[in-house]
N, C-alpha and C. Protein backbone atom coordinates (compact mmCIF):
# COMPACT_ATOMS: atom_id res chain seq x y z
N ASN A 1 258.04 -15.28 34.80
CA ASN A 1 259.43 -14.92 34.52
C ASN A 1 259.91 -15.59 33.25
N LEU A 2 261.06 -15.16 32.79
CA LEU A 2 261.59 -15.64 31.51
C LEU A 2 261.83 -17.14 31.53
N TRP A 3 262.43 -17.65 32.60
CA TRP A 3 262.71 -19.09 32.65
C TRP A 3 261.42 -19.89 32.59
N SER A 4 260.42 -19.43 33.29
CA SER A 4 259.15 -20.13 33.30
C SER A 4 258.56 -20.19 31.88
N ARG A 5 258.60 -19.07 31.19
CA ARG A 5 258.09 -19.05 29.81
C ARG A 5 258.91 -20.00 28.93
N LYS A 6 260.22 -19.96 29.06
CA LYS A 6 261.10 -20.82 28.25
C LYS A 6 260.80 -22.29 28.54
N LYS A 7 260.58 -22.61 29.80
CA LYS A 7 260.24 -23.98 30.18
C LYS A 7 258.97 -24.44 29.47
N TRP A 8 257.96 -23.56 29.46
CA TRP A 8 256.69 -23.91 28.81
C TRP A 8 256.85 -24.02 27.30
N GLU A 9 257.66 -23.16 26.71
CA GLU A 9 257.91 -23.25 25.26
C GLU A 9 258.57 -24.58 24.91
N LEU A 10 259.51 -25.02 25.75
CA LEU A 10 260.15 -26.32 25.53
C LEU A 10 259.16 -27.47 25.73
N PHE A 11 258.28 -27.32 26.70
CA PHE A 11 257.23 -28.31 26.93
C PHE A 11 256.33 -28.44 25.70
N ILE A 12 255.95 -27.31 25.13
CA ILE A 12 255.12 -27.30 23.92
C ILE A 12 255.85 -27.98 22.77
N LEU A 13 257.11 -27.64 22.60
CA LEU A 13 257.91 -28.24 21.53
C LEU A 13 257.99 -29.76 21.71
N ALA A 14 258.24 -30.19 22.93
CA ALA A 14 258.32 -31.63 23.19
C ALA A 14 256.99 -32.32 22.91
N ALA A 15 255.90 -31.70 23.33
CA ALA A 15 254.57 -32.29 23.10
C ALA A 15 254.27 -32.40 21.61
N THR A 16 254.63 -31.36 20.84
CA THR A 16 254.35 -31.41 19.39
C THR A 16 255.21 -32.47 18.70
N HIS A 17 256.46 -32.60 19.13
CA HIS A 17 257.31 -33.63 18.52
C HIS A 17 256.82 -35.03 18.87
N TRP A 18 256.41 -35.21 20.11
CA TRP A 18 255.88 -36.51 20.53
C TRP A 18 254.61 -36.82 19.75
N ALA A 19 253.73 -35.85 19.65
CA ALA A 19 252.47 -36.05 18.91
C ALA A 19 252.74 -36.32 17.43
N SER A 20 253.79 -35.72 16.89
CA SER A 20 254.13 -35.92 15.47
C SER A 20 254.42 -37.37 15.15
N THR A 21 254.86 -38.13 16.13
CA THR A 21 255.16 -39.54 15.86
C THR A 21 253.90 -40.33 15.51
N TYR A 22 252.74 -39.75 15.80
CA TYR A 22 251.47 -40.42 15.48
C TYR A 22 250.85 -39.94 14.18
N GLU A 23 251.48 -38.95 13.53
CA GLU A 23 250.97 -38.49 12.24
C GLU A 23 251.06 -39.63 11.24
N GLU A 24 250.10 -39.70 10.38
CA GLU A 24 250.04 -40.70 9.32
C GLU A 24 250.06 -42.13 9.85
N THR A 25 249.49 -42.32 11.05
CA THR A 25 249.34 -43.67 11.59
C THR A 25 247.87 -43.91 11.92
N ASP A 26 247.53 -45.15 12.13
CA ASP A 26 246.16 -45.47 12.54
C ASP A 26 245.89 -45.01 13.97
N ASP A 27 246.95 -44.74 14.72
CA ASP A 27 246.82 -44.30 16.11
C ASP A 27 246.88 -42.79 16.24
N TYR A 28 246.46 -42.06 15.22
CA TYR A 28 246.57 -40.60 15.23
C TYR A 28 245.88 -39.97 16.44
N GLN A 29 244.82 -40.64 16.96
CA GLN A 29 244.11 -40.11 18.13
C GLN A 29 245.03 -40.02 19.35
N GLU A 30 246.04 -40.89 19.41
CA GLU A 30 247.02 -40.82 20.50
C GLU A 30 247.74 -39.48 20.44
N GLY A 31 248.12 -39.06 19.25
CA GLY A 31 248.78 -37.77 19.08
C GLY A 31 247.88 -36.62 19.49
N ILE A 32 246.61 -36.71 19.13
CA ILE A 32 245.63 -35.68 19.52
C ILE A 32 245.54 -35.61 21.04
N GLN A 33 245.48 -36.77 21.70
CA GLN A 33 245.37 -36.80 23.15
C GLN A 33 246.60 -36.18 23.83
N ILE A 34 247.77 -36.42 23.28
CA ILE A 34 249.00 -35.83 23.83
C ILE A 34 248.90 -34.31 23.78
N VAL A 35 248.50 -33.79 22.63
CA VAL A 35 248.42 -32.35 22.46
C VAL A 35 247.32 -31.75 23.34
N GLU A 36 246.17 -32.39 23.38
CA GLU A 36 245.08 -31.88 24.22
C GLU A 36 245.47 -31.89 25.70
N SER A 37 246.21 -32.88 26.12
CA SER A 37 246.69 -32.95 27.49
C SER A 37 247.66 -31.80 27.78
N ALA A 38 248.53 -31.50 26.82
CA ALA A 38 249.46 -30.38 26.98
C ALA A 38 248.71 -29.06 27.07
N ILE A 39 247.67 -28.90 26.26
CA ILE A 39 246.87 -27.67 26.30
C ILE A 39 246.23 -27.51 27.68
N ARG A 40 245.63 -28.58 28.19
CA ARG A 40 244.99 -28.53 29.52
C ARG A 40 246.01 -28.17 30.61
N LYS A 41 247.19 -28.73 30.52
CA LYS A 41 248.23 -28.46 31.51
C LYS A 41 248.62 -26.97 31.49
N ILE A 42 248.79 -26.41 30.32
CA ILE A 42 249.14 -25.00 30.22
C ILE A 42 247.99 -24.12 30.73
N GLU A 43 246.77 -24.48 30.34
CA GLU A 43 245.61 -23.69 30.77
C GLU A 43 245.44 -23.68 32.29
N THR A 44 245.80 -24.78 32.95
CA THR A 44 245.62 -24.84 34.40
C THR A 44 246.84 -24.38 35.19
N GLU A 45 248.05 -24.59 34.65
CA GLU A 45 249.26 -24.27 35.41
C GLU A 45 249.96 -22.98 34.96
N ALA A 46 249.64 -22.50 33.79
CA ALA A 46 250.29 -21.28 33.28
C ALA A 46 249.30 -20.52 32.40
N SER A 47 248.16 -20.18 32.95
CA SER A 47 247.08 -19.59 32.16
C SER A 47 247.51 -18.29 31.47
N GLU A 48 248.49 -17.59 32.01
CA GLU A 48 248.97 -16.37 31.36
C GLU A 48 249.69 -16.65 30.04
N LEU A 49 250.00 -17.91 29.80
CA LEU A 49 250.68 -18.29 28.56
C LEU A 49 249.79 -19.08 27.61
N THR A 50 248.48 -19.01 27.82
CA THR A 50 247.54 -19.77 26.99
C THR A 50 247.71 -19.46 25.51
N HIS A 51 248.12 -18.25 25.17
CA HIS A 51 248.30 -17.91 23.74
C HIS A 51 249.35 -18.81 23.08
N LEU A 52 250.27 -19.35 23.88
CA LEU A 52 251.28 -20.24 23.31
C LEU A 52 250.68 -21.56 22.82
N THR A 53 249.46 -21.87 23.27
CA THR A 53 248.83 -23.11 22.82
C THR A 53 248.39 -23.04 21.37
N SER A 54 248.48 -21.86 20.77
CA SER A 54 248.12 -21.75 19.34
C SER A 54 248.94 -22.73 18.51
N PHE A 55 250.20 -22.92 18.88
CA PHE A 55 251.05 -23.87 18.15
C PHE A 55 250.54 -25.30 18.33
N LEU A 56 250.01 -25.60 19.51
CA LEU A 56 249.47 -26.94 19.76
C LEU A 56 248.19 -27.18 18.94
N TYR A 57 247.37 -26.16 18.83
CA TYR A 57 246.17 -26.30 17.98
C TYR A 57 246.56 -26.51 16.52
N HIS A 58 247.64 -25.84 16.11
CA HIS A 58 248.14 -26.06 14.75
C HIS A 58 248.53 -27.53 14.58
N LYS A 59 249.17 -28.10 15.56
CA LYS A 59 249.59 -29.51 15.49
C LYS A 59 248.36 -30.41 15.42
N ILE A 60 247.32 -30.12 16.21
CA ILE A 60 246.10 -30.92 16.14
C ILE A 60 245.54 -30.87 14.72
N GLY A 61 245.49 -29.68 14.15
CA GLY A 61 245.01 -29.54 12.78
C GLY A 61 245.77 -30.39 11.80
N PHE A 62 247.09 -30.38 11.92
CA PHE A 62 247.88 -31.16 10.96
C PHE A 62 247.77 -32.66 11.19
N ILE A 63 247.63 -33.08 12.42
CA ILE A 63 247.41 -34.51 12.67
C ILE A 63 246.11 -34.94 11.98
N TYR A 64 245.07 -34.13 12.11
CA TYR A 64 243.81 -34.46 11.45
C TYR A 64 243.94 -34.40 9.92
N ILE A 65 244.73 -33.47 9.40
CA ILE A 65 244.94 -33.43 7.95
C ILE A 65 245.58 -34.73 7.48
N TYR A 66 246.61 -35.17 8.20
CA TYR A 66 247.28 -36.42 7.82
C TYR A 66 246.34 -37.62 7.93
N ALA A 67 245.32 -37.52 8.80
CA ALA A 67 244.35 -38.59 8.95
C ALA A 67 243.16 -38.42 8.00
N PHE A 68 243.23 -37.42 7.12
CA PHE A 68 242.16 -37.13 6.16
C PHE A 68 240.85 -36.74 6.86
N LYS A 69 240.95 -36.14 8.04
CA LYS A 69 239.79 -35.69 8.81
C LYS A 69 239.73 -34.16 8.74
N TYR A 70 239.48 -33.66 7.53
CA TYR A 70 239.55 -32.22 7.29
C TYR A 70 238.49 -31.45 8.07
N ASP A 71 237.33 -32.08 8.28
CA ASP A 71 236.27 -31.43 9.05
C ASP A 71 236.69 -31.21 10.51
N LEU A 72 237.62 -32.02 11.01
CA LEU A 72 238.13 -31.85 12.37
C LEU A 72 239.36 -30.95 12.40
N ALA A 73 240.06 -30.87 11.30
CA ALA A 73 241.24 -30.01 11.23
C ALA A 73 240.86 -28.54 11.24
N LEU A 74 239.78 -28.22 10.57
CA LEU A 74 239.37 -26.82 10.44
C LEU A 74 239.13 -26.13 11.79
N PRO A 75 238.37 -26.72 12.72
CA PRO A 75 238.17 -26.05 14.02
C PRO A 75 239.47 -25.86 14.80
N ALA A 76 240.41 -26.79 14.66
CA ALA A 76 241.69 -26.64 15.35
C ALA A 76 242.43 -25.41 14.84
N HIS A 77 242.43 -25.23 13.53
CA HIS A 77 243.10 -24.06 12.96
C HIS A 77 242.33 -22.77 13.27
N GLN A 78 241.02 -22.86 13.37
CA GLN A 78 240.24 -21.68 13.77
C GLN A 78 240.58 -21.26 15.19
N LYS A 79 240.75 -22.23 16.08
CA LYS A 79 241.13 -21.93 17.47
C LYS A 79 242.54 -21.33 17.49
N GLN A 80 243.43 -21.86 16.68
CA GLN A 80 244.78 -21.32 16.59
C GLN A 80 244.74 -19.85 16.22
N LEU A 81 243.99 -19.52 15.17
CA LEU A 81 243.91 -18.14 14.71
C LEU A 81 243.24 -17.25 15.76
N GLU A 82 242.22 -17.76 16.41
CA GLU A 82 241.53 -17.00 17.47
C GLU A 82 242.52 -16.63 18.59
N LEU A 83 243.34 -17.57 19.02
CA LEU A 83 244.32 -17.29 20.07
C LEU A 83 245.35 -16.26 19.62
N LEU A 84 245.79 -16.37 18.38
CA LEU A 84 246.76 -15.41 17.86
C LEU A 84 246.17 -14.01 17.81
N GLU A 85 244.93 -13.90 17.33
CA GLU A 85 244.30 -12.59 17.20
C GLU A 85 244.02 -11.96 18.56
N LYS A 86 243.84 -12.77 19.60
CA LYS A 86 243.64 -12.23 20.95
C LYS A 86 244.94 -11.64 21.52
N HIS A 87 246.05 -12.23 21.14
CA HIS A 87 247.32 -11.85 21.77
C HIS A 87 248.18 -10.89 20.95
N TYR A 88 248.07 -10.94 19.64
CA TYR A 88 248.92 -10.14 18.77
C TYR A 88 248.07 -9.25 17.86
N ALA A 89 248.68 -8.22 17.33
CA ALA A 89 248.03 -7.45 16.28
C ALA A 89 247.85 -8.37 15.08
N LYS A 90 246.72 -8.26 14.40
CA LYS A 90 246.41 -9.16 13.28
C LYS A 90 247.51 -9.13 12.22
N ASP A 91 247.90 -10.32 11.82
CA ASP A 91 248.89 -10.51 10.74
C ASP A 91 250.23 -9.85 11.06
N SER A 92 250.65 -9.92 12.31
CA SER A 92 251.85 -9.20 12.73
C SER A 92 253.10 -10.05 12.89
N ASN A 93 253.01 -11.36 12.69
CA ASN A 93 254.21 -12.20 12.84
C ASN A 93 254.05 -13.51 12.08
N TRP A 94 255.12 -14.31 12.13
CA TRP A 94 255.15 -15.56 11.37
C TRP A 94 254.11 -16.56 11.83
N GLU A 95 253.61 -16.43 13.06
CA GLU A 95 252.61 -17.38 13.53
C GLU A 95 251.31 -17.28 12.73
N PHE A 96 251.00 -16.09 12.24
CA PHE A 96 249.84 -15.94 11.36
C PHE A 96 250.10 -16.63 10.02
N VAL A 97 251.34 -16.56 9.55
CA VAL A 97 251.72 -17.27 8.32
C VAL A 97 251.47 -18.77 8.51
N MET A 98 251.87 -19.28 9.66
CA MET A 98 251.66 -20.69 9.98
C MET A 98 250.16 -21.03 9.95
N ALA A 99 249.36 -20.18 10.57
CA ALA A 99 247.91 -20.43 10.63
C ALA A 99 247.29 -20.41 9.23
N TYR A 100 247.62 -19.41 8.43
CA TYR A 100 247.05 -19.32 7.08
C TYR A 100 247.48 -20.48 6.20
N ASN A 101 248.69 -20.97 6.39
CA ASN A 101 249.12 -22.15 5.65
C ASN A 101 248.29 -23.37 6.03
N GLY A 102 247.92 -23.47 7.30
CA GLY A 102 247.05 -24.58 7.72
C GLY A 102 245.71 -24.51 7.03
N PHE A 103 245.11 -23.33 7.03
CA PHE A 103 243.83 -23.16 6.34
C PHE A 103 243.97 -23.44 4.84
N ALA A 104 245.04 -22.96 4.24
CA ALA A 104 245.25 -23.16 2.80
C ALA A 104 245.32 -24.65 2.46
N ARG A 105 246.02 -25.38 3.28
CA ARG A 105 246.16 -26.82 3.02
C ARG A 105 244.82 -27.54 3.14
N ILE A 106 244.06 -27.19 4.16
CA ILE A 106 242.74 -27.82 4.34
C ILE A 106 241.84 -27.52 3.14
N GLU A 107 241.78 -26.25 2.77
CA GLU A 107 240.91 -25.86 1.65
C GLU A 107 241.34 -26.56 0.35
N ARG A 108 242.65 -26.69 0.16
CA ARG A 108 243.13 -27.40 -1.04
C ARG A 108 242.68 -28.85 -1.00
N LYS A 109 242.80 -29.48 0.14
CA LYS A 109 242.39 -30.88 0.28
C LYS A 109 240.88 -31.05 0.07
N LEU A 110 240.12 -30.01 0.43
CA LEU A 110 238.66 -30.05 0.24
C LEU A 110 238.25 -29.67 -1.18
N GLY A 111 239.23 -29.32 -2.01
CA GLY A 111 238.93 -28.92 -3.38
C GLY A 111 238.52 -27.47 -3.52
N GLU A 112 238.63 -26.70 -2.47
CA GLU A 112 238.29 -25.27 -2.48
C GLU A 112 239.55 -24.49 -2.88
N LEU A 113 239.89 -24.56 -4.15
CA LEU A 113 241.17 -24.04 -4.62
C LEU A 113 241.29 -22.53 -4.51
N GLU A 114 240.22 -21.80 -4.75
CA GLU A 114 240.29 -20.34 -4.63
C GLU A 114 240.47 -19.91 -3.18
N LYS A 115 239.79 -20.60 -2.26
CA LYS A 115 239.97 -20.29 -0.83
C LYS A 115 241.41 -20.62 -0.42
N SER A 116 241.90 -21.75 -0.90
CA SER A 116 243.28 -22.14 -0.61
C SER A 116 244.24 -21.07 -1.10
N LEU A 117 244.02 -20.62 -2.32
CA LEU A 117 244.87 -19.58 -2.90
C LEU A 117 244.83 -18.31 -2.06
N ASP A 118 243.63 -17.92 -1.63
CA ASP A 118 243.50 -16.72 -0.80
C ASP A 118 244.33 -16.82 0.47
N TYR A 119 244.29 -17.98 1.13
CA TYR A 119 245.06 -18.14 2.37
C TYR A 119 246.57 -18.14 2.11
N TYR A 120 246.99 -18.83 1.05
CA TYR A 120 248.43 -18.81 0.73
C TYR A 120 248.89 -17.39 0.39
N LEU A 121 248.07 -16.66 -0.36
CA LEU A 121 248.45 -15.29 -0.72
C LEU A 121 248.48 -14.38 0.51
N LYS A 122 247.59 -14.63 1.45
CA LYS A 122 247.59 -13.86 2.69
C LYS A 122 248.88 -14.12 3.47
N ALA A 123 249.30 -15.38 3.52
CA ALA A 123 250.55 -15.73 4.19
C ALA A 123 251.74 -15.07 3.49
N LYS A 124 251.75 -15.12 2.17
CA LYS A 124 252.83 -14.51 1.38
C LYS A 124 252.88 -13.00 1.60
N GLU A 125 251.71 -12.38 1.68
CA GLU A 125 251.64 -10.94 1.91
C GLU A 125 252.29 -10.56 3.25
N ILE A 126 252.02 -11.35 4.28
CA ILE A 126 252.61 -11.09 5.60
C ILE A 126 254.13 -11.24 5.53
N ILE A 127 254.59 -12.30 4.87
CA ILE A 127 256.03 -12.52 4.74
C ILE A 127 256.69 -11.32 4.09
N GLU A 128 256.09 -10.83 3.00
CA GLU A 128 256.68 -9.71 2.27
C GLU A 128 256.53 -8.39 3.02
N LYS A 129 255.36 -8.17 3.62
CA LYS A 129 255.11 -6.92 4.34
C LYS A 129 256.05 -6.76 5.53
N LEU A 130 256.26 -7.85 6.25
CA LEU A 130 257.09 -7.80 7.46
C LEU A 130 258.54 -8.18 7.19
N ASN A 131 258.83 -8.50 5.92
CA ASN A 131 260.19 -8.93 5.56
C ASN A 131 260.65 -10.07 6.47
N LEU A 132 259.77 -11.04 6.65
CA LEU A 132 260.06 -12.16 7.55
C LEU A 132 261.18 -13.03 7.01
N GLU A 133 261.97 -13.51 7.92
CA GLU A 133 263.06 -14.39 7.53
C GLU A 133 262.89 -15.77 8.14
N ASN A 134 261.68 -16.16 8.42
CA ASN A 134 261.43 -17.49 8.93
C ASN A 134 261.48 -18.44 7.74
N PHE A 135 262.63 -19.10 7.59
CA PHE A 135 262.87 -19.91 6.39
C PHE A 135 261.81 -20.99 6.22
N TYR A 136 261.47 -21.69 7.30
CA TYR A 136 260.55 -22.81 7.17
C TYR A 136 259.20 -22.36 6.64
N TRP A 137 258.58 -21.35 7.26
CA TRP A 137 257.24 -20.95 6.84
C TRP A 137 257.24 -20.20 5.51
N THR A 138 258.35 -19.57 5.18
CA THR A 138 258.46 -18.96 3.85
C THR A 138 258.48 -20.06 2.80
N THR A 139 259.27 -21.11 3.04
CA THR A 139 259.32 -22.20 2.06
C THR A 139 257.99 -22.92 1.96
N VAL A 140 257.33 -23.15 3.10
CA VAL A 140 256.02 -23.82 3.07
C VAL A 140 255.03 -23.01 2.25
N THR A 141 255.05 -21.69 2.45
CA THR A 141 254.12 -20.82 1.73
C THR A 141 254.39 -20.84 0.23
N TYR A 142 255.64 -20.64 -0.15
CA TYR A 142 255.97 -20.64 -1.57
C TYR A 142 255.74 -22.01 -2.20
N ARG A 143 256.12 -23.07 -1.50
CA ARG A 143 255.90 -24.41 -2.04
C ARG A 143 254.41 -24.66 -2.24
N GLY A 144 253.58 -24.24 -1.26
CA GLY A 144 252.14 -24.41 -1.39
C GLY A 144 251.58 -23.66 -2.59
N LEU A 145 252.02 -22.41 -2.75
CA LEU A 145 251.57 -21.61 -3.89
C LEU A 145 252.03 -22.21 -5.21
N ILE A 146 253.28 -22.61 -5.28
CA ILE A 146 253.82 -23.18 -6.52
C ILE A 146 253.05 -24.44 -6.90
N ARG A 147 252.82 -25.31 -5.92
CA ARG A 147 252.06 -26.54 -6.19
C ARG A 147 250.62 -26.24 -6.59
N LEU A 148 250.01 -25.29 -5.91
CA LEU A 148 248.62 -24.95 -6.22
C LEU A 148 248.51 -24.43 -7.64
N TYR A 149 249.38 -23.48 -8.00
CA TYR A 149 249.34 -22.93 -9.35
C TYR A 149 249.67 -23.98 -10.41
N SER A 150 250.69 -24.79 -10.18
CA SER A 150 251.11 -25.73 -11.22
C SER A 150 250.24 -26.97 -11.30
N ASN A 151 249.92 -27.57 -10.16
CA ASN A 151 249.21 -28.86 -10.15
C ASN A 151 247.70 -28.76 -10.16
N HIS A 152 247.15 -27.64 -9.66
CA HIS A 152 245.70 -27.57 -9.49
C HIS A 152 245.04 -26.48 -10.33
N LEU A 153 245.72 -25.35 -10.48
CA LEU A 153 245.12 -24.24 -11.20
C LEU A 153 245.63 -24.13 -12.64
N GLY A 154 246.62 -24.94 -12.97
CA GLY A 154 247.14 -24.94 -14.34
C GLY A 154 247.78 -23.64 -14.78
N ASN A 155 248.32 -22.89 -13.85
CA ASN A 155 248.94 -21.61 -14.17
C ASN A 155 250.45 -21.73 -13.99
N MET A 156 251.10 -22.33 -15.00
CA MET A 156 252.54 -22.55 -14.92
C MET A 156 253.31 -21.24 -14.93
N GLU A 157 252.78 -20.23 -15.60
CA GLU A 157 253.48 -18.94 -15.64
C GLU A 157 253.64 -18.37 -14.22
N GLU A 158 252.57 -18.43 -13.44
CA GLU A 158 252.63 -17.93 -12.06
C GLU A 158 253.51 -18.84 -11.20
N ALA A 159 253.43 -20.15 -11.43
CA ALA A 159 254.27 -21.08 -10.68
C ALA A 159 255.75 -20.81 -10.93
N ILE A 160 256.10 -20.55 -12.17
CA ILE A 160 257.50 -20.25 -12.51
C ILE A 160 257.93 -18.93 -11.89
N LYS A 161 257.05 -17.93 -11.96
CA LYS A 161 257.35 -16.63 -11.36
C LYS A 161 257.61 -16.78 -9.85
N LEU A 162 256.78 -17.55 -9.19
CA LEU A 162 256.96 -17.77 -7.75
C LEU A 162 258.21 -18.60 -7.47
N SER A 163 258.51 -19.55 -8.33
CA SER A 163 259.74 -20.33 -8.17
C SER A 163 260.96 -19.43 -8.24
N LYS A 164 260.94 -18.48 -9.17
CA LYS A 164 262.05 -17.53 -9.27
C LYS A 164 262.13 -16.67 -8.01
N ARG A 165 260.98 -16.22 -7.52
CA ARG A 165 260.96 -15.41 -6.30
C ARG A 165 261.47 -16.22 -5.11
N ALA A 166 261.10 -17.47 -5.03
CA ALA A 166 261.58 -18.33 -3.95
C ALA A 166 263.10 -18.51 -4.04
N PHE A 167 263.59 -18.67 -5.25
CA PHE A 167 265.04 -18.81 -5.44
C PHE A 167 265.76 -17.52 -5.04
N GLU A 168 265.17 -16.38 -5.38
CA GLU A 168 265.76 -15.09 -4.99
C GLU A 168 265.83 -14.97 -3.47
N PHE A 169 264.77 -15.42 -2.79
CA PHE A 169 264.77 -15.40 -1.33
C PHE A 169 265.91 -16.27 -0.80
N ALA A 170 266.03 -17.48 -1.34
CA ALA A 170 267.10 -18.38 -0.90
C ALA A 170 268.47 -17.80 -1.22
N GLN A 171 268.59 -17.19 -2.39
CA GLN A 171 269.87 -16.58 -2.79
C GLN A 171 270.26 -15.47 -1.82
N ALA A 172 269.30 -14.62 -1.46
CA ALA A 172 269.58 -13.53 -0.53
C ALA A 172 269.95 -14.06 0.85
N ARG A 173 269.33 -15.15 1.21
CA ARG A 173 269.55 -15.71 2.55
C ARG A 173 270.77 -16.61 2.61
N PHE A 174 271.03 -17.38 1.54
CA PHE A 174 272.07 -18.39 1.60
C PHE A 174 273.20 -18.19 0.60
N GLY A 175 273.11 -17.14 -0.19
CA GLY A 175 274.18 -16.84 -1.12
C GLY A 175 274.43 -17.96 -2.11
N GLY A 176 275.68 -18.35 -2.22
CA GLY A 176 276.08 -19.38 -3.19
C GLY A 176 275.47 -20.73 -2.95
N ASN A 177 274.96 -20.97 -1.76
CA ASN A 177 274.34 -22.26 -1.45
C ASN A 177 272.85 -22.30 -1.80
N ALA A 178 272.36 -21.24 -2.41
CA ALA A 178 270.92 -21.14 -2.69
C ALA A 178 270.43 -22.29 -3.56
N PHE A 179 271.21 -22.72 -4.50
CA PHE A 179 270.76 -23.80 -5.39
C PHE A 179 270.42 -25.06 -4.59
N GLU A 180 271.13 -25.28 -3.49
CA GLU A 180 270.85 -26.44 -2.64
C GLU A 180 269.49 -26.33 -1.97
N MET A 181 268.94 -25.12 -1.86
CA MET A 181 267.67 -24.89 -1.19
C MET A 181 266.47 -25.11 -2.12
N VAL A 182 266.69 -25.18 -3.42
CA VAL A 182 265.61 -25.31 -4.39
C VAL A 182 264.69 -26.48 -4.06
N PRO A 183 265.21 -27.67 -3.70
CA PRO A 183 264.28 -28.77 -3.39
C PRO A 183 263.30 -28.46 -2.27
N TYR A 184 263.68 -27.62 -1.31
CA TYR A 184 262.76 -27.26 -0.25
C TYR A 184 261.56 -26.49 -0.78
N TYR A 185 261.80 -25.68 -1.80
CA TYR A 185 260.71 -24.89 -2.37
C TYR A 185 259.84 -25.71 -3.30
N LEU A 186 260.45 -26.61 -4.01
CA LEU A 186 259.70 -27.38 -5.00
C LEU A 186 259.13 -28.65 -4.43
N GLY A 187 259.56 -29.03 -3.24
CA GLY A 187 258.99 -30.19 -2.53
C GLY A 187 259.34 -31.46 -3.21
């Protein structure tokens, strides 16, 4: 029922926030254990909602990224994408944008700049194709692309073009307050 699903969504949110407190610490494994415990609980007590654990796998990936354990982050993001593809049409919502951003960040950290670019562009394509208004993942995607083009690929022309597009998005969404949103895009 709806309440049951909402309860589990709140449980997932609480687990990810709790695990986030261990990001960028020497105790990052504590955060991983929290998330893995939440996944097991959902799998045993609400197996019909296992697809919701994709967000938890995303959190595991990012905890490992912050710990510079990219080889461990990659399988977590692969599991996230696998769960999404089982439950939704491919590239049909913002959760795929979230997954591709995870892959993009890992590949960038590994020095695989073209692979990183491909994932960021895939996320951007979904945002534009579906006209998504998820502010957070739109900003993460544009910020990742802008940084990749300007800091790693040396393509300032593309970085500026994307910065303008990001500003247009903020302008359409926030009107006169769009200028205040620029730091979110530029990081």
